[in-house]
Amino acid sequence: MTNETDFNDRLVVSQIVSGQKDLFRLLVRQYERAVYGMGISFFRNKEDASDFTQEVFLKAYRNLPGFEGRSRFSTWLYKIAYNTAINEVNRRKEYHSLTEEKMDMLSNSGDTPERIAIKEAAREAIQAAVKDLPERFRICVDLYFHYDRSHQEIEAITGYPVNTIKSHVFRAKKMLREKLEHLKEAQ
């Protein structure tokens, strides 16, 4: 996100709060894909992710007058999304890492059958390793690496202190490295 994006978001929010409610569609258009992606990573199906996305934007719209601009709009929105997802996950007791979705993008149609098999084995191993991480580590890893959120933004979203987030990401990387060491030898 750029400072220009932050400025534009704040401007649009102030116009919406001032009565130009139809401008909310601009914020939905800008952030819908990211919120939907978070929904997919938590709920693993399109219907639930779509419902989640609608619920998040409905909550954001209702709470827009409370946005004070102390953080980026995107951080504020992702905090709403995260809290909504965590509440639903706690109700359902499930969480799936976005890493699983990202790994599907690794295959390249120009690869040899052997290369494809190696990539598939690596993808499955990474998915299994990420799945074995404690939930708090997976959440921090997803937000940091897949949503490109800073430590401060993750703190604002999750409520974890920055040092805890750094520790979770560091420990998760170490755990993944140890679990996946055998992959280097296979390639």
Protein backbone atom coordinates (compact mmCIF):
# COMPACT_ATOMS: atom_id res chain seq x y z
CA MET A 1 0.00 0.00 0.00
CA THR A 2 1.20 3.45 -0.76
CA ASN A 3 0.71 6.70 1.07
CA GLU A 4 -1.46 7.77 -1.86
CA THR A 5 -3.71 4.74 -1.31
CA ASP A 6 -3.92 5.55 2.41
CA PHE A 7 -4.82 9.16 1.63
CA ASN A 8 -7.44 8.11 -0.95
CA ASP A 9 -8.96 5.59 1.47
CA ARG A 10 -9.23 8.22 4.20
CA LEU A 11 -10.78 10.67 1.75
CA VAL A 12 -13.35 8.12 0.57
CA VAL A 13 -14.17 7.16 4.17
CA SER A 14 -14.73 10.80 5.14
CA GLN A 15 -17.01 11.29 2.12
CA ILE A 16 -19.01 8.16 2.99
CA VAL A 17 -19.40 9.25 6.60
CA SER A 18 -20.49 12.69 5.32
CA GLY A 19 -23.38 11.13 3.42
CA GLN A 20 -22.03 9.87 0.08
CA LYS A 21 -22.80 6.28 1.02
CA ASP A 22 -22.65 5.00 -2.56
CA LEU A 23 -18.85 5.51 -2.49
CA PHE A 24 -18.53 2.50 -0.20
CA ARG A 25 -18.49 0.39 -3.37
CA LEU A 26 -15.01 1.82 -4.10
CA LEU A 27 -13.67 0.37 -0.85
CA VAL A 28 -15.40 -2.93 -1.52
CA ARG A 29 -13.90 -3.08 -5.00
CA GLN A 30 -10.42 -2.31 -3.68
CA TYR A 31 -10.38 -4.79 -0.77
CA GLU A 32 -12.91 -7.46 -1.69
CA ARG A 33 -10.33 -9.83 -3.13
CA ALA A 34 -8.08 -9.68 -0.06
CA VAL A 35 -10.97 -10.18 2.35
CA TYR A 36 -12.29 -13.04 0.22
CA GLY A 37 -8.80 -14.58 0.24
CA MET A 38 -8.75 -14.44 4.02
CA GLY A 39 -12.17 -16.10 3.99
CA ILE A 40 -10.88 -18.90 1.77
CA SER A 41 -7.89 -19.47 4.05
CA PHE A 42 -10.14 -19.76 7.08
CA PHE A 43 -13.16 -21.59 5.65
CA ARG A 44 -11.86 -23.45 2.57
CA ASN A 45 -14.96 -23.09 0.44
CA LYS A 46 -16.30 -20.41 -1.86
CA GLU A 47 -19.76 -20.14 -0.33
CA ASP A 48 -18.51 -19.58 3.21
CA ALA A 49 -15.80 -17.21 1.95
CA SER A 50 -18.43 -15.19 0.05
CA ASP A 51 -20.70 -15.05 3.10
CA PHE A 52 -17.72 -14.06 5.23
CA THR A 53 -16.76 -11.30 2.78
CA GLN A 54 -20.28 -9.87 2.84
CA GLU A 55 -20.39 -10.01 6.63
CA VAL A 56 -17.02 -8.24 6.94
CA PHE A 57 -18.04 -5.42 4.60
CA LEU A 58 -21.39 -5.07 6.34
CA LYS A 59 -19.60 -4.74 9.70
CA ALA A 60 -17.11 -2.29 8.19
CA TYR A 61 -19.92 -0.18 6.72
CA ARG A 62 -21.78 -0.08 10.03
CA ASN A 63 -18.62 0.84 11.93
CA LEU A 64 -17.17 3.27 9.40
CA PRO A 65 -17.95 6.33 11.55
CA GLY A 66 -15.68 4.75 14.20
CA PHE A 67 -12.68 4.62 11.84
CA GLU A 68 -10.39 7.27 13.28
CA GLY A 69 -7.57 7.03 10.77
CA ARG A 70 -4.92 6.11 13.35
CA SER A 71 -4.04 3.12 11.18
CA ARG A 72 -4.43 2.34 7.50
CA PHE A 73 -7.97 1.63 6.41
CA SER A 74 -6.78 -1.77 5.18
CA THR A 75 -5.42 -2.62 8.64
CA TRP A 76 -8.70 -1.57 10.25
CA LEU A 77 -10.66 -3.65 7.72
CA TYR A 78 -8.39 -6.70 8.14
CA LYS A 79 -8.83 -6.48 11.91
CA ILE A 80 -12.59 -6.66 11.41
CA ALA A 81 -12.09 -9.58 9.01
CA TYR A 82 -9.69 -11.37 11.33
CA ASN A 83 -11.95 -10.98 14.37
CA THR A 84 -14.96 -12.13 12.36
CA ALA A 85 -13.05 -15.17 11.10
CA ILE A 86 -11.61 -16.07 14.51
CA ASN A 87 -15.05 -15.88 16.09
CA GLU A 88 -16.44 -18.17 13.40
CA VAL A 89 -13.43 -20.52 13.60
CA ASN A 90 -13.81 -20.76 17.36
CA ARG A 91 -17.41 -21.63 16.76
CA ARG A 92 -16.39 -24.25 14.15
CA LYS A 93 -12.90 -25.10 15.48
CA GLU A 94 -11.09 -25.04 12.12
CA TYR A 95 -8.41 -23.00 10.35
CA HIS A 96 -6.63 -23.64 7.05
CA SER A 97 -3.51 -21.78 6.01
CA LEU A 98 -3.42 -19.70 2.87
CA THR A 99 -0.10 -21.42 2.18
CA GLU A 100 -2.11 -24.33 0.84
CA GLU A 101 -3.68 -22.06 -1.77
CA LYS A 102 -0.37 -20.41 -2.70
CA MET A 103 1.31 -23.76 -3.24
CA ASP A 104 -1.22 -24.65 -5.95
CA MET A 105 0.30 -21.87 -8.03
CA LEU A 106 3.73 -23.55 -8.12
CA SER A 107 2.99 -25.95 -10.95
CA ASN A 108 4.19 -24.93 -14.40
CA SER A 109 2.71 -26.65 -17.45
CA GLY A 110 6.11 -26.60 -19.21
CA ASP A 111 7.70 -28.87 -16.59
CA THR A 112 8.70 -32.46 -17.21
CA PRO A 113 6.63 -35.19 -15.52
CA GLU A 114 9.51 -35.75 -13.09
CA ARG A 115 9.66 -32.02 -12.17
CA ILE A 116 5.87 -31.94 -11.73
CA ALA A 117 6.06 -34.97 -9.41
CA ILE A 118 8.83 -33.33 -7.36
CA LYS A 119 6.88 -30.08 -7.09
CA GLU A 120 3.73 -31.95 -6.09
CA ALA A 121 5.63 -33.84 -3.39
CA ALA A 122 7.14 -30.57 -2.16
CA ARG A 123 3.73 -28.88 -2.16
CA GLU A 124 2.19 -31.70 -0.14
CA ALA A 125 5.10 -31.70 2.32
CA ILE A 126 4.88 -27.92 2.81
CA GLN A 127 1.12 -28.08 3.29
CA ALA A 128 1.49 -30.84 5.87
CA ALA A 129 4.26 -28.96 7.67
CA VAL A 130 2.27 -25.71 7.77
CA LYS A 131 -0.82 -27.60 8.91
CA ASP A 132 1.19 -28.99 11.84
CA LEU A 133 2.16 -25.50 13.06
CA PRO A 134 0.29 -24.20 16.09
CA GLU A 135 -2.67 -22.07 14.97
CA ARG A 136 -1.19 -18.81 16.31
CA PHE A 137 1.97 -19.43 14.25
CA ARG A 138 -0.01 -20.22 11.08
CA ILE A 139 -2.05 -17.04 11.45
CA CYS A 140 1.07 -14.88 11.88
CA VAL A 141 2.82 -16.60 8.96
CA ASP A 142 -0.21 -16.12 6.70
CA LEU A 143 -0.63 -12.46 7.57
CA TYR A 144 3.11 -11.75 7.28
CA PHE A 145 4.01 -13.70 4.15
CA HIS A 146 0.77 -14.05 2.21
CA TYR A 147 -1.03 -10.83 3.06
CA ASP A 148 2.21 -8.82 3.24
CA ARG A 149 1.26 -7.24 6.56
CA SER A 150 3.90 -5.60 8.75
CA HIS A 151 4.46 -6.69 12.35
CA GLN A 152 2.62 -3.56 13.52
CA GLU A 153 -0.33 -4.31 11.26
CA ILE A 154 -0.47 -7.90 12.47
CA GLU A 155 -0.47 -6.56 16.04
CA ALA A 156 -3.41 -4.30 15.18
CA ILE A 157 -5.23 -7.20 13.51
CA THR A 158 -4.57 -10.01 16.00
CA GLY A 159 -3.87 -8.17 19.23
CA TYR A 160 -0.60 -10.10 19.65
CA PRO A 161 2.32 -7.89 20.75
CA VAL A 162 4.91 -7.18 18.03
CA ASN A 163 7.62 -9.17 19.81
CA THR A 164 5.27 -12.14 20.08
CA ILE A 165 4.52 -11.90 16.35
CA LYS A 166 8.23 -11.76 15.52
CA SER A 167 8.79 -14.76 17.75
CA HIS A 168 5.90 -16.70 16.20
CA VAL A 169 7.14 -16.03 12.65
CA PHE A 170 10.73 -16.87 13.58
CA ARG A 171 9.74 -20.08 15.39
CA ALA A 172 7.38 -21.09 12.57
CA LYS A 173 10.13 -20.65 9.98
CA LYS A 174 12.51 -22.69 12.14
CA MET A 175 9.94 -25.45 12.58
CA LEU A 176 9.19 -25.50 8.86
CA ARG A 177 12.89 -25.56 7.98
CA GLU A 178 13.45 -28.55 10.26
CA LYS A 179 10.42 -30.43 8.94
CA LEU A 180 11.28 -29.73 5.31
CA GLU A 181 15.04 -30.30 5.39
CA HIS A 182 14.61 -33.57 3.49
CA LEU A 183 13.15 -31.74 0.47
CA LYS A 184 16.51 -30.17 -0.39
CA GLU A 185 18.03 -33.59 -0.78
CA ALA A 186 15.25 -34.76 -3.13
CA GLN A 187 15.83 -31.90 -5.58
